Amino acid sequence: MAEEEQQDYIRIADNYEGYDLDMFCIPRHYQEDLESVLIPRGLIADRTERLARNIVQNLDNSEPIVALCVLKGGYKFFTDLLDCIKALNRNTERSVPMYVDFIRLKSYENDKSSGDIRVIGGDNLSNLTGKNVLIVEDIIDTGNTMQKLLNIVAKYSPQSVQVASLLVKRTERSVGYRPDYIGFEVPDKFVVGYALDYNEYFRDLSHVCIINEHGKKKYTV
């Protein structure tokens, strides 16, 4: 299925077709809309736990962090990642104080990036000033959205900024941006599930899956 490169992330090859849907519990209302399961929920959970360990090991435990969730797609990864960090706080010698904040961006319409990246929700980010910030994102596609967000965050003069993304898409459209922590590098296919959506559908799907053409047509706006 995949090969790990330098312990930094798990790379899923372009020719990997994923698991057959019949091997997993897929909601009946999505069974005709998906090609395959690309990353099962259990593998996501284990990889998230490892990322949490890496993050805690690299942080100065005398300084709190502000974990900034990029909504909506990042909420599931954000919740699970912070649960893993909190478990490490309870069970290891290192303990990292954490605050949480949220921001919502929108750049996709159907399966294409609109190119118009909009901030459509979020709290007052002035509490990021002078803080160590960990931005938690679901997927880095071209990198344009994250660069826009980093520019927004920089206006509040944080002490440091790091980014953790569950997925990074391998695409020719990439501007070359790479986050500090990566769960999986995936092929240039449109993926849904684990809170990643297609026009707000599929967020209730537990695994990361590849949407098929039937699904795209069915849920196109």
C-alpha atoms as a PDB file:
ATOM      1  CA  MET A   1       0.000   0.000   0.000  1.00  0.00           C
ATOM      2  CA  ALA A   2       2.486   2.607   1.102  1.00  0.00           C
ATOM      3  CA  GLU A   3       6.075   3.237   1.940  1.00  0.00           C
ATOM      4  CA  GLU A   4       7.434   5.465   4.689  1.00  0.00           C
ATOM      5  CA  GLU A   5      10.067   8.027   3.719  1.00  0.00           C
ATOM      6  CA  GLN A   6      12.575   9.112   6.382  1.00  0.00           C
ATOM      7  CA  GLN A   7       9.942   8.686   9.127  1.00  0.00           C
ATOM      8  CA  ASP A   8       8.416  12.046   8.126  1.00  0.00           C
ATOM      9  CA  TYR A   9       5.194  10.867   6.517  1.00  0.00           C
ATOM     10  CA  ILE A  10       3.564   7.873   4.862  1.00  0.00           C
ATOM     11  CA  ARG A  11       3.577   8.110   1.079  1.00  0.00           C
ATOM     12  CA  ILE A  12       0.730   6.454  -0.796  1.00  0.00           C
ATOM     13  CA  ALA A  13       1.811   5.602  -4.326  1.00  0.00           C
ATOM     14  CA  ASP A  14       0.039   6.920  -7.425  1.00  0.00           C
ATOM     15  CA  ASN A  15      -0.840   3.419  -8.605  1.00  0.00           C
ATOM     16  CA  TYR A  16      -2.353   2.366  -5.285  1.00  0.00           C
ATOM     17  CA  GLU A  17      -6.061   1.686  -5.797  1.00  0.00           C
ATOM     18  CA  GLY A  18      -7.104   1.378  -2.151  1.00  0.00           C
ATOM     19  CA  TYR A  19      -9.240  -1.202  -0.375  1.00  0.00           C
ATOM     20  CA  ASP A  20     -12.479  -2.645  -1.675  1.00  0.00           C
ATOM     21  CA  LEU A  21     -15.506  -0.968  -0.078  1.00  0.00           C
ATOM     22  CA  ASP A  22     -16.937  -4.355   0.907  1.00  0.00           C
ATOM     23  CA  MET A  23     -14.065  -4.855   3.360  1.00  0.00           C
ATOM     24  CA  PHE A  24     -15.269  -1.963   5.547  1.00  0.00           C
ATOM     25  CA  CYS A  25     -18.446  -0.568   7.074  1.00  0.00           C
ATOM     26  CA  ILE A  26     -19.546   2.110   4.622  1.00  0.00           C
ATOM     27  CA  PRO A  27     -22.820   4.028   5.143  1.00  0.00           C
ATOM     28  CA  ARG A  28     -25.379   2.643   2.714  1.00  0.00           C
ATOM     29  CA  HIS A  29     -26.164   6.120   1.356  1.00  0.00           C
ATOM     30  CA  TYR A  30     -22.562   6.447   0.077  1.00  0.00           C
ATOM     31  CA  GLN A  31     -21.884   2.975  -1.292  1.00  0.00           C
ATOM     32  CA  GLU A  32     -22.525   3.942  -4.930  1.00  0.00           C
ATOM     33  CA  ASP A  33     -20.541   7.178  -4.654  1.00  0.00           C
ATOM     34  CA  LEU A  34     -17.051   5.898  -3.791  1.00  0.00           C
ATOM     35  CA  GLU A  35     -14.267   4.117  -5.662  1.00  0.00           C
ATOM     36  CA  SER A  36     -12.397   2.682  -2.680  1.00  0.00           C
ATOM     37  CA  VAL A  37     -11.152   3.197   0.851  1.00  0.00           C
ATOM     38  CA  LEU A  38      -7.794   4.955   0.552  1.00  0.00           C
ATOM     39  CA  ILE A  39      -6.895   5.192   4.265  1.00  0.00           C
ATOM     40  CA  PRO A  40      -8.850   3.185   6.852  1.00  0.00           C
ATOM     41  CA  ARG A  41      -9.912   4.847  10.099  1.00  0.00           C
ATOM     42  CA  GLY A  42      -7.629   2.628  12.211  1.00  0.00           C
ATOM     43  CA  LEU A  43      -4.539   3.626  10.255  1.00  0.00           C
ATOM     44  CA  ILE A  44      -5.474   7.291  10.591  1.00  0.00           C
ATOM     45  CA  ALA A  45      -5.784   6.865  14.362  1.00  0.00           C
ATOM     46  CA  ASP A  46      -2.388   5.217  14.710  1.00  0.00           C
ATOM     47  CA  ARG A  47      -0.656   7.774  12.509  1.00  0.00           C
ATOM     48  CA  THR A  48      -2.323  10.627  14.433  1.00  0.00           C
ATOM     49  CA  GLU A  49      -1.001   9.222  17.687  1.00  0.00           C
ATOM     50  CA  ARG A  50       2.517   9.200  16.252  1.00  0.00           C
ATOM     51  CA  LEU A  51       2.187  12.798  15.026  1.00  0.00           C
ATOM     52  CA  ALA A  52       1.057  13.858  18.506  1.00  0.00           C
ATOM     53  CA  ARG A  53       4.153  12.267  19.991  1.00  0.00           C
ATOM     54  CA  ASN A  54       6.398  14.057  17.491  1.00  0.00           C
ATOM     55  CA  ILE A  55       4.737  17.388  18.205  1.00  0.00           C
ATOM     56  CA  VAL A  56       5.081  17.057  21.979  1.00  0.00           C
ATOM     57  CA  GLN A  57       8.706  15.975  21.696  1.00  0.00           C
ATOM     58  CA  ASN A  58       9.542  19.031  19.598  1.00  0.00           C
ATOM     59  CA  LEU A  59       7.785  21.596  21.797  1.00  0.00           C
ATOM     60  CA  ASP A  60       9.177  23.479  24.769  1.00  0.00           C
ATOM     61  CA  ASN A  61       6.917  22.246  27.568  1.00  0.00           C
ATOM     62  CA  SER A  62       7.374  25.489  29.486  1.00  0.00           C
ATOM     63  CA  GLU A  63       5.468  27.394  26.797  1.00  0.00           C
ATOM     64  CA  PRO A  64       1.766  26.885  26.055  1.00  0.00           C
ATOM     65  CA  ILE A  65       0.529  26.442  22.503  1.00  0.00           C
ATOM     66  CA  VAL A  66      -2.573  27.683  20.742  1.00  0.00           C
ATOM     67  CA  ALA A  67      -3.964  24.912  18.555  1.00  0.00           C
ATOM     68  CA  LEU A  68      -5.812  26.580  15.665  1.00  0.00           C
ATOM     69  CA  CYS A  69      -8.313  24.333  13.884  1.00  0.00           C
ATOM     70  CA  VAL A  70      -9.079  25.049  10.230  1.00  0.00           C
ATOM     71  CA  LEU A  71     -12.793  24.339   9.834  1.00  0.00           C
ATOM     72  CA  LYS A  72     -14.728  22.516   8.683  1.00  0.00           C
ATOM     73  CA  GLY A  73     -12.636  19.707   7.269  1.00  0.00           C
ATOM     74  CA  GLY A  74     -10.010  19.805   9.983  1.00  0.00           C
ATOM     75  CA  TYR A  75     -12.297  19.296  12.962  1.00  0.00           C
ATOM     76  CA  LYS A  76     -11.994  15.494  13.151  1.00  0.00           C
ATOM     77  CA  PHE A  77      -8.202  15.389  12.798  1.00  0.00           C
ATOM     78  CA  PHE A  78      -7.963  18.336  15.217  1.00  0.00           C
ATOM     79  CA  THR A  79     -10.059  16.595  17.860  1.00  0.00           C
ATOM     80  CA  ASP A  80      -8.219  13.291  17.586  1.00  0.00           C
ATOM     81  CA  LEU A  81      -4.779  14.934  17.522  1.00  0.00           C
ATOM     82  CA  LEU A  82      -5.506  16.997  20.626  1.00  0.00           C
ATOM     83  CA  ASP A  83      -6.902  13.935  22.411  1.00  0.00           C
ATOM     84  CA  CYS A  84      -3.590  12.187  21.744  1.00  0.00           C
ATOM     85  CA  ILE A  85      -1.611  15.188  23.006  1.00  0.00           C
ATOM     86  CA  LYS A  86      -3.755  15.313  26.156  1.00  0.00           C
ATOM     87  CA  ALA A  87      -3.100  11.604  26.727  1.00  0.00           C
ATOM     88  CA  LEU A  88       0.636  12.256  26.484  1.00  0.00           C
ATOM     89  CA  ASN A  89       0.245  15.118  28.961  1.00  0.00           C
ATOM     90  CA  ARG A  90      -1.323  12.691  31.429  1.00  0.00           C
ATOM     91  CA  ASN A  91       1.056   9.808  30.926  1.00  0.00           C
ATOM     92  CA  THR A  92       4.537  11.173  30.160  1.00  0.00           C
ATOM     93  CA  GLU A  93       7.011  13.503  31.819  1.00  0.00           C
ATOM     94  CA  ARG A  94       6.390  16.218  29.239  1.00  0.00           C
ATOM     95  CA  SER A  95       3.234  18.265  29.554  1.00  0.00           C
ATOM     96  CA  VAL A  96       2.207  20.949  27.083  1.00  0.00           C
ATOM     97  CA  PRO A  97      -0.427  23.532  28.113  1.00  0.00           C
ATOM     98  CA  MET A  98      -2.885  24.088  25.264  1.00  0.00           C
ATOM     99  CA  TYR A  99      -5.488  26.601  24.207  1.00  0.00           C
ATOM    100  CA  VAL A 100      -7.778  26.109  21.227  1.00  0.00           C
ATOM    101  CA  ASP A 101      -9.095  28.445  18.567  1.00  0.00           C
ATOM    102  CA  PHE A 102     -10.893  28.094  15.246  1.00  0.00           C
ATOM    103  CA  ILE A 103     -10.950  29.634  11.788  1.00  0.00           C
ATOM    104  CA  ARG A 104     -12.973  28.727   8.715  1.00  0.00           C
ATOM    105  CA  LEU A 105     -11.736  29.047   5.147  1.00  0.00           C
ATOM    106  CA  LYS A 106     -13.385  28.179   1.842  1.00  0.00           C
ATOM    107  CA  SER A 107     -11.624  27.605  -1.479  1.00  0.00           C
ATOM    108  CA  TYR A 108     -13.397  24.634  -3.132  1.00  0.00           C
ATOM    109  CA  GLU A 109     -16.516  24.418  -5.230  1.00  0.00           C
ATOM    110  CA  ASN A 110     -17.364  20.906  -6.413  1.00  0.00           C
ATOM    111  CA  ASP A 111     -13.973  19.211  -7.014  1.00  0.00           C
ATOM    112  CA  LYS A 112     -12.057  22.310  -8.142  1.00  0.00           C
ATOM    113  CA  SER A 113     -10.381  25.068  -6.187  1.00  0.00           C
ATOM    114  CA  SER A 114     -12.161  28.321  -6.969  1.00  0.00           C
ATOM    115  CA  GLY A 115      -8.920  30.266  -6.564  1.00  0.00           C
ATOM    116  CA  ASP A 116     -10.859  32.656  -4.336  1.00  0.00           C
ATOM    117  CA  ILE A 117      -9.787  31.804  -0.781  1.00  0.00           C
ATOM    118  CA  ARG A 118     -12.180  33.325   1.711  1.00  0.00           C
ATOM    119  CA  VAL A 119     -12.141  33.572   5.492  1.00  0.00           C
ATOM    120  CA  ILE A 120     -15.810  33.003   6.314  1.00  0.00           C
ATOM    121  CA  GLY A 121     -15.668  32.391  10.038  1.00  0.00           C
ATOM    122  CA  GLY A 122     -13.420  32.513  13.059  1.00  0.00           C
ATOM    123  CA  ASP A 123     -12.826  34.093  16.410  1.00  0.00           C
ATOM    124  CA  ASN A 124     -10.761  37.185  17.067  1.00  0.00           C
ATOM    125  CA  LEU A 125      -7.231  35.952  16.411  1.00  0.00           C
ATOM    126  CA  SER A 126      -5.563  38.648  18.510  1.00  0.00           C
ATOM    127  CA  ASN A 127      -4.992  36.010  21.210  1.00  0.00           C
ATOM    128  CA  LEU A 128      -2.333  34.511  18.907  1.00  0.00           C
ATOM    129  CA  THR A 129      -0.040  37.467  19.558  1.00  0.00           C
ATOM    130  CA  GLY A 130       3.194  36.309  21.177  1.00  0.00           C
ATOM    131  CA  LYS A 131       2.008  32.693  21.306  1.00  0.00           C
ATOM    132  CA  ASN A 132       3.311  29.436  19.846  1.00  0.00           C
ATOM    133  CA  VAL A 133       0.679  28.472  17.285  1.00  0.00           C
ATOM    134  CA  LEU A 134      -0.045  25.001  15.897  1.00  0.00           C
ATOM    135  CA  ILE A 135      -2.338  25.184  12.864  1.00  0.00           C
ATOM    136  CA  VAL A 136      -4.197  21.913  12.270  1.00  0.00           C
ATOM    137  CA  GLU A 137      -5.488  21.294   8.734  1.00  0.00           C
ATOM    138  CA  ASP A 138      -7.154  18.351   7.019  1.00  0.00           C
ATOM    139  CA  ILE A 139      -5.411  18.524   3.629  1.00  0.00           C
ATOM    140  CA  ILE A 140      -2.829  20.628   1.784  1.00  0.00           C
ATOM    141  CA  ASP A 141      -3.653  20.638  -1.931  1.00  0.00           C
ATOM    142  CA  THR A 142      -1.967  23.399  -3.934  1.00  0.00           C
ATOM    143  CA  GLY A 143      -0.775  25.111  -0.762  1.00  0.00           C
ATOM    144  CA  ASN A 144      -2.424  28.422  -1.682  1.00  0.00           C
ATOM    145  CA  THR A 145      -4.991  28.239   1.107  1.00  0.00           C
ATOM    146  CA  MET A 146      -2.401  27.568   3.798  1.00  0.00           C
ATOM    147  CA  GLN A 147      -0.115  30.338   2.559  1.00  0.00           C
ATOM    148  CA  LYS A 148      -3.086  32.720   2.735  1.00  0.00           C
ATOM    149  CA  LEU A 149      -3.819  31.595   6.295  1.00  0.00           C
ATOM    150  CA  LEU A 150      -0.165  31.928   7.325  1.00  0.00           C
ATOM    151  CA  ASN A 151      -0.200  35.502   6.021  1.00  0.00           C
ATOM    152  CA  ILE A 152      -3.318  36.213   8.096  1.00  0.00           C
ATOM    153  CA  VAL A 153      -1.811  34.683  11.240  1.00  0.00           C
ATOM    154  CA  ALA A 154       1.476  36.567  10.755  1.00  0.00           C
ATOM    155  CA  LYS A 155      -0.385  39.879  11.134  1.00  0.00           C
ATOM    156  CA  TYR A 156      -0.952  38.988  14.811  1.00  0.00           C
ATOM    157  CA  SER A 157       2.789  38.521  15.488  1.00  0.00           C
ATOM    158  CA  PRO A 158       2.816  35.033  17.028  1.00  0.00           C
ATOM    159  CA  GLN A 159       6.030  33.822  18.639  1.00  0.00           C
ATOM    160  CA  SER A 160       6.135  30.763  16.363  1.00  0.00           C
ATOM    161  CA  VAL A 161       3.877  28.967  13.894  1.00  0.00           C
ATOM    162  CA  GLN A 162       3.855  25.299  12.916  1.00  0.00           C
ATOM    163  CA  VAL A 163       1.391  23.413  10.725  1.00  0.00           C
ATOM    164  CA  ALA A 164       0.156  19.839  11.038  1.00  0.00           C
ATOM    165  CA  SER A 165      -1.836  18.418   8.123  1.00  0.00           C
ATOM    166  CA  LEU A 166      -3.350  14.956   7.976  1.00  0.00           C
ATOM    167  CA  LEU A 167      -2.928  14.816   4.193  1.00  0.00           C
ATOM    168  CA  VAL A 168      -0.730  16.459   1.575  1.00  0.00           C
ATOM    169  CA  LYS A 169      -1.773  15.961  -2.032  1.00  0.00           C
ATOM    170  CA  ARG A 170       0.924  15.217  -4.593  1.00  0.00           C
ATOM    171  CA  THR A 171      -0.070  17.505  -7.453  1.00  0.00           C
ATOM    172  CA  GLU A 172       1.538  19.492 -10.248  1.00  0.00           C
ATOM    173  CA  ARG A 173      -0.560  22.468  -9.134  1.00  0.00           C
ATOM    174  CA  SER A 174       1.347  22.675  -5.836  1.00  0.00           C
ATOM    175  CA  VAL A 175       3.142  25.920  -5.055  1.00  0.00           C
ATOM    176  CA  GLY A 176       5.718  23.863  -3.138  1.00  0.00           C
ATOM    177  CA  TYR A 177       4.487  24.489   0.395  1.00  0.00           C
ATOM    178  CA  ARG A 178       5.073  21.649   2.904  1.00  0.00           C
ATOM    179  CA  PRO A 179       3.724  21.644   6.477  1.00  0.00           C
ATOM    180  CA  ASP A 180       5.856  20.804   9.504  1.00  0.00           C
ATOM    181  CA  TYR A 181       3.936  17.614  10.283  1.00  0.00           C
ATOM    182  CA  ILE A 182       2.367  15.370   7.641  1.00  0.00           C
ATOM    183  CA  GLY A 183       0.241  12.299   8.189  1.00  0.00           C
ATOM    184  CA  PHE A 184       0.018  10.938   4.644  1.00  0.00           C
ATOM    185  CA  GLU A 185       1.103  12.103   1.198  1.00  0.00           C
ATOM    186  CA  VAL A 186      -1.635  11.046  -1.228  1.00  0.00           C
ATOM    187  CA  PRO A 187      -2.068  10.910  -5.023  1.00  0.00           C
ATOM    188  CA  ASP A 188      -3.807  13.677  -6.936  1.00  0.00           C
ATOM    189  CA  LYS A 189      -7.311  12.295  -6.440  1.00  0.00           C
ATOM    190  CA  PHE A 190     -10.314  13.899  -4.778  1.00  0.00           C
ATOM    191  CA  VAL A 191     -10.689  12.316  -1.358  1.00  0.00           C
ATOM    192  CA  VAL A 192     -13.565  12.523   1.103  1.00  0.00           C
ATOM    193  CA  GLY A 193     -14.401  11.243   4.560  1.00  0.00           C
ATOM    194  CA  TYR A 194     -13.000  11.726   8.044  1.00  0.00           C
ATOM    195  CA  ALA A 195     -14.574  15.222   7.884  1.00  0.00           C
ATOM    196  CA  LEU A 196     -13.275  15.981   4.356  1.00  0.00           C
ATOM    197  CA  ASP A 197     -16.252  16.895   2.215  1.00  0.00           C
ATOM    198  CA  TYR A 198     -17.557  17.231  -1.295  1.00  0.00           C
ATOM    199  CA  ASN A 199     -20.037  20.137  -1.183  1.00  0.00           C
ATOM    200  CA  GLU A 200     -20.661  19.341   2.522  1.00  0.00           C
ATOM    201  CA  TYR A 201     -21.342  15.618   1.949  1.00  0.00           C
ATOM    202  CA  PHE A 202     -19.193  12.726   3.230  1.00  0.00           C
ATOM    203  CA  ARG A 203     -18.120  14.385   6.493  1.00  0.00           C
ATOM    204  CA  ASP A 204     -19.948  11.546   8.280  1.00  0.00           C
ATOM    205  CA  LEU A 205     -17.746   8.913   6.614  1.00  0.00           C
ATOM    206  CA  SER A 206     -15.187   7.345   8.978  1.00  0.00           C
ATOM    207  CA  HIS A 207     -12.466   6.474   6.442  1.00  0.00           C
ATOM    208  CA  VAL A 208     -10.640   8.576   3.851  1.00  0.00           C
ATOM    209  CA  CYS A 209     -12.072   7.410   0.522  1.00  0.00           C
ATOM    210  CA  ILE A 210     -11.836   8.276  -3.161  1.00  0.00           C
ATOM    211  CA  ILE A 211     -15.052   9.698  -4.590  1.00  0.00           C
ATOM    212  CA  ASN A 212     -16.182   8.359  -7.981  1.00  0.00           C
ATOM    213  CA  GLU A 213     -17.732  10.211 -10.906  1.00  0.00           C
ATOM    214  CA  HIS A 214     -21.225   9.115  -9.897  1.00  0.00           C
ATOM    215  CA  GLY A 215     -20.720  10.726  -6.505  1.00  0.00           C
ATOM    216  CA  LYS A 216     -19.393  13.944  -8.007  1.00  0.00           C
ATOM    217  CA  LYS A 217     -22.388  14.266 -10.336  1.00  0.00           C
ATOM    218  CA  LYS A 218     -24.833  13.332  -7.577  1.00  0.00           C
ATOM    219  CA  TYR A 219     -23.644  16.049  -5.189  1.00  0.00           C
ATOM    220  CA  THR A 220     -22.585  18.778  -7.622  1.00  0.00           C
ATOM    221  CA  VAL A 221     -23.970  22.212  -6.811  1.00  0.00           C
END
